[in-house]
Amino acid sequence: GKKVRNRIIGCAHDLRRTFRTAGRQCHVHDATIKVLMNHSIPKRSSDVTEGYNIDDPEFLRSETQRITDFLMGHASVALVDGKFVSQLTLAA
């Protein structure tokens, strides 16, 4: 069917592309990004060490936080007292 795009965020895959791009810019390992995006990792990868990865929830949480911090910094938004606040407001 035809993709329906929101004027502000586009389609859902735009968000996925942004997350993947941010992860790569934060130097998060490709296999970790795939796990975070719920992508399947082929059983037979050209990288023989791929199967040695352990999906530790705390490690995944820390990598997700790295990506979140990167995106928040580029969006000029901060979390203050549990609320998102524009960095421009904080600077004033």
PDB file of N, CA and C in Angstrom:
ATOM      1  N   GLY A   1       0.804  -1.181   0.000  1.00  0.00           N
ATOM      2  CA  GLY A   1       0.000   0.000   0.000  1.00  0.00           C
ATOM      3  C   GLY A   1       0.852   1.252   0.000  1.00  0.00           C
ATOM      4  N   LYS A   2       0.188   2.342  -0.104  1.00  0.00           N
ATOM      5  CA  LYS A   2       0.850   3.644  -0.120  1.00  0.00           C
ATOM      6  C   LYS A   2       1.261   4.040   1.298  1.00  0.00           C
ATOM      7  N   LYS A   3       2.487   4.559   1.433  1.00  0.00           N
ATOM      8  CA  LYS A   3       2.961   5.017   2.734  1.00  0.00           C
ATOM      9  C   LYS A   3       2.285   6.330   3.094  1.00  0.00           C
ATOM     10  N   VAL A   4       1.804   6.393   4.323  1.00  0.00           N
ATOM     11  CA  VAL A   4       1.238   7.630   4.828  1.00  0.00           C
ATOM     12  C   VAL A   4       2.315   8.303   5.662  1.00  0.00           C
ATOM     13  N   ARG A   5       2.611   9.547   5.337  1.00  0.00           N
ATOM     14  CA  ARG A   5       3.691  10.264   6.031  1.00  0.00           C
ATOM     15  C   ARG A   5       3.102  11.423   6.831  1.00  0.00           C
ATOM     16  N   ASN A   6       3.558  11.552   8.048  1.00  0.00           N
ATOM     17  CA  ASN A   6       3.201  12.674   8.897  1.00  0.00           C
ATOM     18  C   ASN A   6       4.091  13.845   8.497  1.00  0.00           C
ATOM     19  N   ARG A   7       3.557  15.037   8.476  1.00  0.00           N
ATOM     20  CA  ARG A   7       4.346  16.204   8.060  1.00  0.00           C
ATOM     21  C   ARG A   7       5.531  16.462   8.980  1.00  0.00           C
ATOM     22  N   ILE A   8       5.414  16.095  10.234  1.00  0.00           N
ATOM     23  CA  ILE A   8       6.474  16.409  11.187  1.00  0.00           C
ATOM     24  C   ILE A   8       7.539  15.314  11.218  1.00  0.00           C
ATOM     25  N   ILE A   9       7.141  14.053  11.398  1.00  0.00           N
ATOM     26  CA  ILE A   9       8.133  12.990  11.584  1.00  0.00           C
ATOM     27  C   ILE A   9       8.307  12.086  10.380  1.00  0.00           C
ATOM     28  N   GLY A  10       7.490  12.249   9.349  1.00  0.00           N
ATOM     29  CA  GLY A  10       7.620  11.362   8.199  1.00  0.00           C
ATOM     30  C   GLY A  10       7.054   9.992   8.533  1.00  0.00           C
ATOM     31  N   CYS A  11       7.675   8.952   8.026  1.00  0.00           N
ATOM     32  CA  CYS A  11       7.182   7.597   8.298  1.00  0.00           C
ATOM     33  C   CYS A  11       7.995   6.978   9.440  1.00  0.00           C
ATOM     34  N   ALA A  12       7.496   5.860   9.940  1.00  0.00           N
ATOM     35  CA  ALA A  12       8.157   5.182  11.064  1.00  0.00           C
ATOM     36  C   ALA A  12       9.595   4.815  10.725  1.00  0.00           C
ATOM     37  N   HIS A  13       9.856   4.473   9.489  1.00  0.00           N
ATOM     38  CA  HIS A  13      11.221   4.091   9.125  1.00  0.00           C
ATOM     39  C   HIS A  13      12.192   5.272   9.189  1.00  0.00           C
ATOM     40  N   ASP A  14      11.684   6.497   9.078  1.00  0.00           N
ATOM     41  CA  ASP A  14      12.556   7.658   9.254  1.00  0.00           C
ATOM     42  C   ASP A  14      13.118   7.675  10.678  1.00  0.00           C
ATOM     43  N   LEU A  15      12.282   7.323  11.654  1.00  0.00           N
ATOM     44  CA  LEU A  15      12.748   7.270  13.039  1.00  0.00           C
ATOM     45  C   LEU A  15      13.779   6.163  13.216  1.00  0.00           C
ATOM     46  N   ARG A  16      13.552   5.028  12.568  1.00  0.00           N
ATOM     47  CA  ARG A  16      14.501   3.917  12.654  1.00  0.00           C
ATOM     48  C   ARG A  16      15.833   4.305  12.002  1.00  0.00           C
ATOM     49  N   ARG A  17      15.774   4.970  10.863  1.00  0.00           N
ATOM     50  CA  ARG A  17      17.002   5.414  10.191  1.00  0.00           C
ATOM     51  C   ARG A  17      17.762   6.412  11.068  1.00  0.00           C
ATOM     52  N   THR A  18      17.030   7.308  11.702  1.00  0.00           N
ATOM     53  CA  THR A  18      17.660   8.294  12.578  1.00  0.00           C
ATOM     54  C   THR A  18      18.341   7.606  13.758  1.00  0.00           C
ATOM     55  N   PHE A  19      17.669   6.627  14.368  1.00  0.00           N
ATOM     56  CA  PHE A  19      18.235   5.891  15.498  1.00  0.00           C
ATOM     57  C   PHE A  19      19.497   5.162  15.073  1.00  0.00           C
ATOM     58  N   ARG A  20      19.450   4.486  13.918  1.00  0.00           N
ATOM     59  CA  ARG A  20      20.620   3.746  13.437  1.00  0.00           C
ATOM     60  C   ARG A  20      21.782   4.695  13.144  1.00  0.00           C
ATOM     61  N   THR A  21      21.483   5.805  12.487  1.00  0.00           N
ATOM     62  CA  THR A  21      22.521   6.779  12.159  1.00  0.00           C
ATOM     63  C   THR A  21      23.150   7.348  13.431  1.00  0.00           C
ATOM     64  N   ALA A  22      22.322   7.679  14.413  1.00  0.00           N
ATOM     65  CA  ALA A  22      22.834   8.199  15.680  1.00  0.00           C
ATOM     66  C   ALA A  22      23.698   7.155  16.372  1.00  0.00           C
ATOM     67  N   GLY A  23      23.269   5.909  16.349  1.00  0.00           N
ATOM     68  CA  GLY A  23      24.052   4.830  16.953  1.00  0.00           C
ATOM     69  C   GLY A  23      25.424   4.707  16.322  1.00  0.00           C
ATOM     70  N   ARG A  24      25.465   4.794  15.018  1.00  0.00           N
ATOM     71  CA  ARG A  24      26.760   4.702  14.325  1.00  0.00           C
ATOM     72  C   ARG A  24      27.638   5.903  14.662  1.00  0.00           C
ATOM     73  N   GLN A  25      27.041   7.092  14.759  1.00  0.00           N
ATOM     74  CA  GLN A  25      27.815   8.279  15.101  1.00  0.00           C
ATOM     75  C   GLN A  25      28.325   8.219  16.542  1.00  0.00           C
ATOM     76  N   CYS A  26      27.641   7.468  17.395  1.00  0.00           N
ATOM     77  CA  CYS A  26      28.080   7.270  18.785  1.00  0.00           C
ATOM     78  C   CYS A  26      29.025   6.078  18.912  1.00  0.00           C
ATOM     79  N   HIS A  27      29.367   5.467  17.806  1.00  0.00           N
ATOM     80  CA  HIS A  27      30.273   4.312  17.770  1.00  0.00           C
ATOM     81  C   HIS A  27      29.710   3.095  18.496  1.00  0.00           C
ATOM     82  N   VAL A  28      28.378   2.936  18.453  1.00  0.00           N
ATOM     83  CA  VAL A  28      27.755   1.729  18.984  1.00  0.00           C
ATOM     84  C   VAL A  28      27.944   0.642  17.931  1.00  0.00           C
ATOM     85  N   HIS A  29      28.344  -0.542  18.363  1.00  0.00           N
ATOM     86  CA  HIS A  29      28.620  -1.651  17.445  1.00  0.00           C
ATOM     87  C   HIS A  29      27.367  -1.988  16.632  1.00  0.00           C
ATOM     88  N   ASP A  30      27.562  -2.298  15.347  1.00  0.00           N
ATOM     89  CA  ASP A  30      26.446  -2.604  14.457  1.00  0.00           C
ATOM     90  C   ASP A  30      25.547  -3.713  14.991  1.00  0.00           C
ATOM     91  N   ALA A  31      26.141  -4.766  15.557  1.00  0.00           N
ATOM     92  CA  ALA A  31      25.337  -5.875  16.085  1.00  0.00           C
ATOM     93  C   ALA A  31      24.461  -5.399  17.240  1.00  0.00           C
ATOM     94  N   THR A  32      24.973  -4.492  18.061  1.00  0.00           N
ATOM     95  CA  THR A  32      24.194  -3.951  19.178  1.00  0.00           C
ATOM     96  C   THR A  32      23.043  -3.109  18.650  1.00  0.00           C
ATOM     97  N   ILE A  33      23.309  -2.297  17.629  1.00  0.00           N
ATOM     98  CA  ILE A  33      22.239  -1.492  17.026  1.00  0.00           C
ATOM     99  C   ILE A  33      21.151  -2.397  16.479  1.00  0.00           C
ATOM    100  N   LYS A  34      21.531  -3.487  15.826  1.00  0.00           N
ATOM    101  CA  LYS A  34      20.542  -4.422  15.285  1.00  0.00           C
ATOM    102  C   LYS A  34      19.676  -5.010  16.389  1.00  0.00           C
ATOM    103  N   VAL A  35      20.291  -5.373  17.507  1.00  0.00           N
ATOM    104  CA  VAL A  35      19.523  -5.916  18.634  1.00  0.00           C
ATOM    105  C   VAL A  35      18.561  -4.856  19.164  1.00  0.00           C
ATOM    106  N   LEU A  36      19.050  -3.627  19.329  1.00  0.00           N
ATOM    107  CA  LEU A  36      18.209  -2.552  19.844  1.00  0.00           C
ATOM    108  C   LEU A  36      17.048  -2.230  18.904  1.00  0.00           C
ATOM    109  N   MET A  37      17.251  -2.442  17.615  1.00  0.00           N
ATOM    110  CA  MET A  37      16.207  -2.175  16.629  1.00  0.00           C
ATOM    111  C   MET A  37      15.339  -3.401  16.376  1.00  0.00           C
ATOM    112  N   ASN A  38      15.606  -4.479  17.123  1.00  0.00           N
ATOM    113  CA  ASN A  38      14.867  -5.732  16.990  1.00  0.00           C
ATOM    114  C   ASN A  38      15.015  -6.350  15.597  1.00  0.00           C
ATOM    115  N   HIS A  39      16.187  -6.167  15.006  1.00  0.00           N
ATOM    116  CA  HIS A  39      16.494  -6.815  13.736  1.00  0.00           C
ATOM    117  C   HIS A  39      17.025  -8.209  14.010  1.00  0.00           C
ATOM    118  N   SER A  40      16.768  -9.110  13.109  1.00  0.00           N
ATOM    119  CA  SER A  40      17.332 -10.449  13.279  1.00  0.00           C
ATOM    120  C   SER A  40      18.783 -10.422  12.814  1.00  0.00           C
ATOM    121  N   ILE A  41      19.591 -11.208  13.490  1.00  0.00           N
ATOM    122  CA  ILE A  41      20.995 -11.342  13.120  1.00  0.00           C
ATOM    123  C   ILE A  41      21.144 -12.730  12.527  1.00  0.00           C
ATOM    124  N   PRO A  42      21.619 -12.824  11.277  1.00  0.00           N
ATOM    125  CA  PRO A  42      21.727 -14.134  10.628  1.00  0.00           C
ATOM    126  C   PRO A  42      22.545 -15.118  11.467  1.00  0.00           C
ATOM    127  N   LYS A  43      22.087 -16.373  11.487  1.00  0.00           N
ATOM    128  CA  LYS A  43      22.804 -17.412  12.235  1.00  0.00           C
ATOM    129  C   LYS A  43      24.205 -17.601  11.684  1.00  0.00           C
ATOM    130  N   ARG A  44      24.342 -17.511  10.391  1.00  0.00           N
ATOM    131  CA  ARG A  44      25.656 -17.683   9.766  1.00  0.00           C
ATOM    132  C   ARG A  44      26.110 -16.348   9.208  1.00  0.00           C
ATOM    133  N   SER A  45      26.830 -15.640  10.025  1.00  0.00           N
ATOM    134  CA  SER A  45      27.356 -14.332   9.640  1.00  0.00           C
ATOM    135  C   SER A  45      28.784 -14.523   9.148  1.00  0.00           C
ATOM    136  N   SER A  46      29.265 -13.583   8.343  1.00  0.00           N
ATOM    137  CA  SER A  46      30.664 -13.652   7.898  1.00  0.00           C
ATOM    138  C   SER A  46      31.607 -13.374   9.068  1.00  0.00           C
ATOM    139  N   ASP A  47      31.090 -12.765  10.123  1.00  0.00           N
ATOM    140  CA  ASP A  47      31.883 -12.496  11.318  1.00  0.00           C
ATOM    141  C   ASP A  47      31.690 -13.654  12.295  1.00  0.00           C
ATOM    142  N   VAL A  48      32.706 -14.492  12.432  1.00  0.00           N
ATOM    143  CA  VAL A  48      32.576 -15.697  13.259  1.00  0.00           C
ATOM    144  C   VAL A  48      32.388 -15.372  14.736  1.00  0.00           C
ATOM    145  N   THR A  49      32.751 -14.159  15.169  1.00  0.00           N
ATOM    146  CA  THR A  49      32.592 -13.798  16.577  1.00  0.00           C
ATOM    147  C   THR A  49      31.194 -13.258  16.881  1.00  0.00           C
ATOM    148  N   GLU A  50      30.384 -13.064  15.861  1.00  0.00           N
ATOM    149  CA  GLU A  50      29.045 -12.487  16.042  1.00  0.00           C
ATOM    150  C   GLU A  50      28.214 -13.281  17.051  1.00  0.00           C
ATOM    151  N   GLY A  51      28.355 -14.595  17.042  1.00  0.00           N
ATOM    152  CA  GLY A  51      27.581 -15.434  17.947  1.00  0.00           C
ATOM    153  C   GLY A  51      28.023 -15.364  19.389  1.00  0.00           C
ATOM    154  N   TYR A  52      29.145 -14.716  19.663  1.00  0.00           N
ATOM    155  CA  TYR A  52      29.653 -14.616  21.025  1.00  0.00           C
ATOM    156  C   TYR A  52      29.019 -13.462  21.805  1.00  0.00           C
ATOM    157  N   ASN A  53      28.277 -12.615  21.110  1.00  0.00           N
ATOM    158  CA  ASN A  53      27.669 -11.466  21.775  1.00  0.00           C
ATOM    159  C   ASN A  53      26.609 -11.915  22.765  1.00  0.00           C
ATOM    160  N   ILE A  54      26.603 -11.298  23.924  1.00  0.00           N
ATOM    161  CA  ILE A  54      25.594 -11.565  24.933  1.00  0.00           C
ATOM    162  C   ILE A  54      24.772 -10.298  25.090  1.00  0.00           C
ATOM    163  N   ASP A  55      23.466 -10.441  24.991  1.00  0.00           N
ATOM    164  CA  ASP A  55      22.580  -9.285  25.066  1.00  0.00           C
ATOM    165  C   ASP A  55      22.244  -8.976  26.526  1.00  0.00           C
ATOM    166  N   ASP A  56      23.224  -8.412  27.235  1.00  0.00           N
ATOM    167  CA  ASP A  56      23.055  -8.039  28.628  1.00  0.00           C
ATOM    168  C   ASP A  56      22.159  -6.801  28.709  1.00  0.00           C
ATOM    169  N   PRO A  57      21.050  -6.877  29.441  1.00  0.00           N
ATOM    170  CA  PRO A  57      20.123  -5.739  29.503  1.00  0.00           C
ATOM    171  C   PRO A  57      20.781  -4.438  29.976  1.00  0.00           C
ATOM    172  N   GLU A  58      21.676  -4.505  30.936  1.00  0.00           N
ATOM    173  CA  GLU A  58      22.323  -3.282  31.424  1.00  0.00           C
ATOM    174  C   GLU A  58      23.245  -2.684  30.364  1.00  0.00           C
ATOM    175  N   PHE A  59      23.949  -3.534  29.634  1.00  0.00           N
ATOM    176  CA  PHE A  59      24.796  -3.037  28.548  1.00  0.00           C
ATOM    177  C   PHE A  59      23.931  -2.390  27.474  1.00  0.00           C
ATOM    178  N   LEU A  60      22.838  -3.052  27.091  1.00  0.00           N
ATOM    179  CA  LEU A  60      21.947  -2.497  26.070  1.00  0.00           C
ATOM    180  C   LEU A  60      21.337  -1.183  26.544  1.00  0.00           C
ATOM    181  N   ARG A  61      21.010  -1.115  27.828  1.00  0.00           N
ATOM    182  CA  ARG A  61      20.450   0.122  28.376  1.00  0.00           C
ATOM    183  C   ARG A  61      21.475   1.255  28.278  1.00  0.00           C
ATOM    184  N   SER A  62      22.731   0.962  28.594  1.00  0.00           N
ATOM    185  CA  SER A  62      23.755   2.012  28.533  1.00  0.00           C
ATOM    186  C   SER A  62      24.005   2.470  27.098  1.00  0.00           C
ATOM    187  N   GLU A  63      23.963   1.535  26.144  1.00  0.00           N
ATOM    188  CA  GLU A  63      24.143   1.919  24.737  1.00  0.00           C
ATOM    189  C   GLU A  63      22.956   2.734  24.242  1.00  0.00           C
ATOM    190  N   THR A  64      21.756   2.365  24.676  1.00  0.00           N
ATOM    191  CA  THR A  64      20.562   3.132  24.318  1.00  0.00           C
ATOM    192  C   THR A  64      20.656   4.538  24.896  1.00  0.00           C
ATOM    193  N   GLN A  65      21.170   4.650  26.116  1.00  0.00           N
ATOM    194  CA  GLN A  65      21.320   5.969  26.747  1.00  0.00           C
ATOM    195  C   GLN A  65      22.322   6.830  25.989  1.00  0.00           C
ATOM    196  N   ARG A  66      23.399   6.219  25.500  1.00  0.00           N
ATOM    197  CA  ARG A  66      24.380   6.971  24.697  1.00  0.00           C
ATOM    198  C   ARG A  66      23.712   7.577  23.469  1.00  0.00           C
ATOM    199  N   ILE A  67      22.893   6.774  22.805  1.00  0.00           N
ATOM    200  CA  ILE A  67      22.196   7.246  21.600  1.00  0.00           C
ATOM    201  C   ILE A  67      21.189   8.336  21.975  1.00  0.00           C
ATOM    202  N   THR A  68      20.459   8.121  23.061  1.00  0.00           N
ATOM    203  CA  THR A  68      19.476   9.110  23.527  1.00  0.00           C
ATOM    204  C   THR A  68      20.152  10.437  23.848  1.00  0.00           C
ATOM    205  N   ASP A  69      21.263  10.375  24.573  1.00  0.00           N
ATOM    206  CA  ASP A  69      21.983  11.605  24.918  1.00  0.00           C
ATOM    207  C   ASP A  69      22.450  12.345  23.672  1.00  0.00           C
ATOM    208  N   PHE A  70      22.923  11.586  22.679  1.00  0.00           N
ATOM    209  CA  PHE A  70      23.361  12.178  21.414  1.00  0.00           C
ATOM    210  C   PHE A  70      22.197  12.897  20.731  1.00  0.00           C
ATOM    211  N   LEU A  71      21.061  12.213  20.627  1.00  0.00           N
ATOM    212  CA  LEU A  71      19.899  12.799  19.961  1.00  0.00           C
ATOM    213  C   LEU A  71      19.370  14.007  20.724  1.00  0.00           C
ATOM    214  N   MET A  72      19.319  13.906  22.040  1.00  0.00           N
ATOM    215  CA  MET A  72      18.832  15.023  22.852  1.00  0.00           C
ATOM    216  C   MET A  72      19.748  16.237  22.699  1.00  0.00           C
ATOM    217  N   GLY A  73      21.054  16.002  22.655  1.00  0.00           N
ATOM    218  CA  GLY A  73      21.989  17.100  22.468  1.00  0.00           C
ATOM    219  C   GLY A  73      21.804  17.791  21.132  1.00  0.00           C
ATOM    220  N   HIS A  74      21.556  16.997  20.092  1.00  0.00           N
ATOM    221  CA  HIS A  74      21.357  17.584  18.775  1.00  0.00           C
ATOM    222  C   HIS A  74      19.984  18.239  18.635  1.00  0.00           C
ATOM    223  N   ALA A  75      19.050  17.835  19.474  1.00  0.00           N
ATOM    224  CA  ALA A  75      17.714  18.437  19.439  1.00  0.00           C
ATOM    225  C   ALA A  75      17.645  19.667  20.336  1.00  0.00           C
ATOM    226  N   SER A  76      18.749  19.953  21.024  1.00  0.00           N
ATOM    227  CA  SER A  76      18.807  21.079  21.967  1.00  0.00           C
ATOM    228  C   SER A  76      17.731  20.962  23.036  1.00  0.00           C
ATOM    229  N   VAL A  77      17.598  19.744  23.590  1.00  0.00           N
ATOM    230  CA  VAL A  77      16.609  19.477  24.631  1.00  0.00           C
ATOM    231  C   VAL A  77      17.321  18.828  25.805  1.00  0.00           C
ATOM    232  N   ALA A  78      16.890  19.166  27.011  1.00  0.00           N
ATOM    233  CA  ALA A  78      17.443  18.563  28.225  1.00  0.00           C
ATOM    234  C   ALA A  78      16.295  18.079  29.101  1.00  0.00           C
ATOM    235  N   LEU A  79      16.585  17.089  29.921  1.00  0.00           N
ATOM    236  CA  LEU A  79      15.605  16.592  30.889  1.00  0.00           C
ATOM    237  C   LEU A  79      15.898  17.268  32.225  1.00  0.00           C
ATOM    238  N   VAL A  80      14.978  18.125  32.682  1.00  0.00           N
ATOM    239  CA  VAL A  80      15.143  18.865  33.929  1.00  0.00           C
ATOM    240  C   VAL A  80      13.944  18.577  34.821  1.00  0.00           C
ATOM    241  N   ASP A  81      14.222  18.024  35.992  1.00  0.00           N
ATOM    242  CA  ASP A  81      13.148  17.676  36.938  1.00  0.00           C
ATOM    243  C   ASP A  81      12.055  16.840  36.281  1.00  0.00           C
ATOM    244  N   GLY A  82      12.466  15.899  35.443  1.00  0.00           N
ATOM    245  CA  GLY A  82      11.521  14.989  34.814  1.00  0.00           C
ATOM    246  C   GLY A  82      10.756  15.568  33.639  1.00  0.00           C
ATOM    247  N   LYS A  83      11.131  16.773  33.201  1.00  0.00           N
ATOM    248  CA  LYS A  83      10.439  17.412  32.071  1.00  0.00           C
ATOM    249  C   LYS A  83      11.447  17.784  30.998  1.00  0.00           C
ATOM    250  N   PHE A  84      11.042  17.672  29.741  1.00  0.00           N
ATOM    251  CA  PHE A  84      11.901  18.084  28.641  1.00  0.00           C
ATOM    252  C   PHE A  84      11.837  19.603  28.511  1.00  0.00           C
ATOM    253  N   VAL A  85      13.016  20.227  28.482  1.00  0.00           N
ATOM    254  CA  VAL A  85      13.108  21.684  28.417  1.00  0.00           C
ATOM    255  C   VAL A  85      14.069  22.050  27.295  1.00  0.00           C
ATOM    256  N   SER A  86      13.698  23.058  26.510  1.00  0.00           N
ATOM    257  CA  SER A  86      14.570  23.539  25.438  1.00  0.00           C
ATOM    258  C   SER A  86      15.837  24.118  26.036  1.00  0.00           C
ATOM    259  N   GLN A  87      16.986  23.780  25.432  1.00  0.00           N
ATOM    260  CA  GLN A  87      18.269  24.342  25.871  1.00  0.00           C
ATOM    261  C   GLN A  87      18.236  25.862  25.739  1.00  0.00           C
ATOM    262  N   LEU A  88      17.474  26.361  24.789  1.00  0.00           N
ATOM    263  CA  LEU A  88      17.366  27.818  24.601  1.00  0.00           C
ATOM    264  C   LEU A  88      16.732  28.452  25.829  1.00  0.00           C
ATOM    265  N   THR A  89      15.753  27.769  26.436  1.00  0.00           N
ATOM    266  CA  THR A  89      15.112  28.278  27.647  1.00  0.00           C
ATOM    267  C   THR A  89      16.100  28.271  28.808  1.00  0.00           C
ATOM    268  N   LEU A  90      16.921  27.215  28.893  1.00  0.00           N
ATOM    269  CA  LEU A  90      17.895  27.122  29.982  1.00  0.00           C
ATOM    270  C   LEU A  90      18.958  28.207  29.876  1.00  0.00           C
ATOM    271  N   ALA A  91      19.302  28.580  28.643  1.00  0.00           N
ATOM    272  CA  ALA A  91      20.346  29.582  28.427  1.00  0.00           C
ATOM    273  C   ALA A  91      19.868  30.998  28.761  1.00  0.00           C
ATOM    274  N   ALA A  92      18.568  31.197  28.734  1.00  0.00           N
ATOM    275  CA  ALA A  92      18.018  32.551  28.955  1.00  0.00           C
ATOM    276  C   ALA A  92      18.077  32.954  30.411  1.00  0.00           C
TER     277      ALA A  92
END
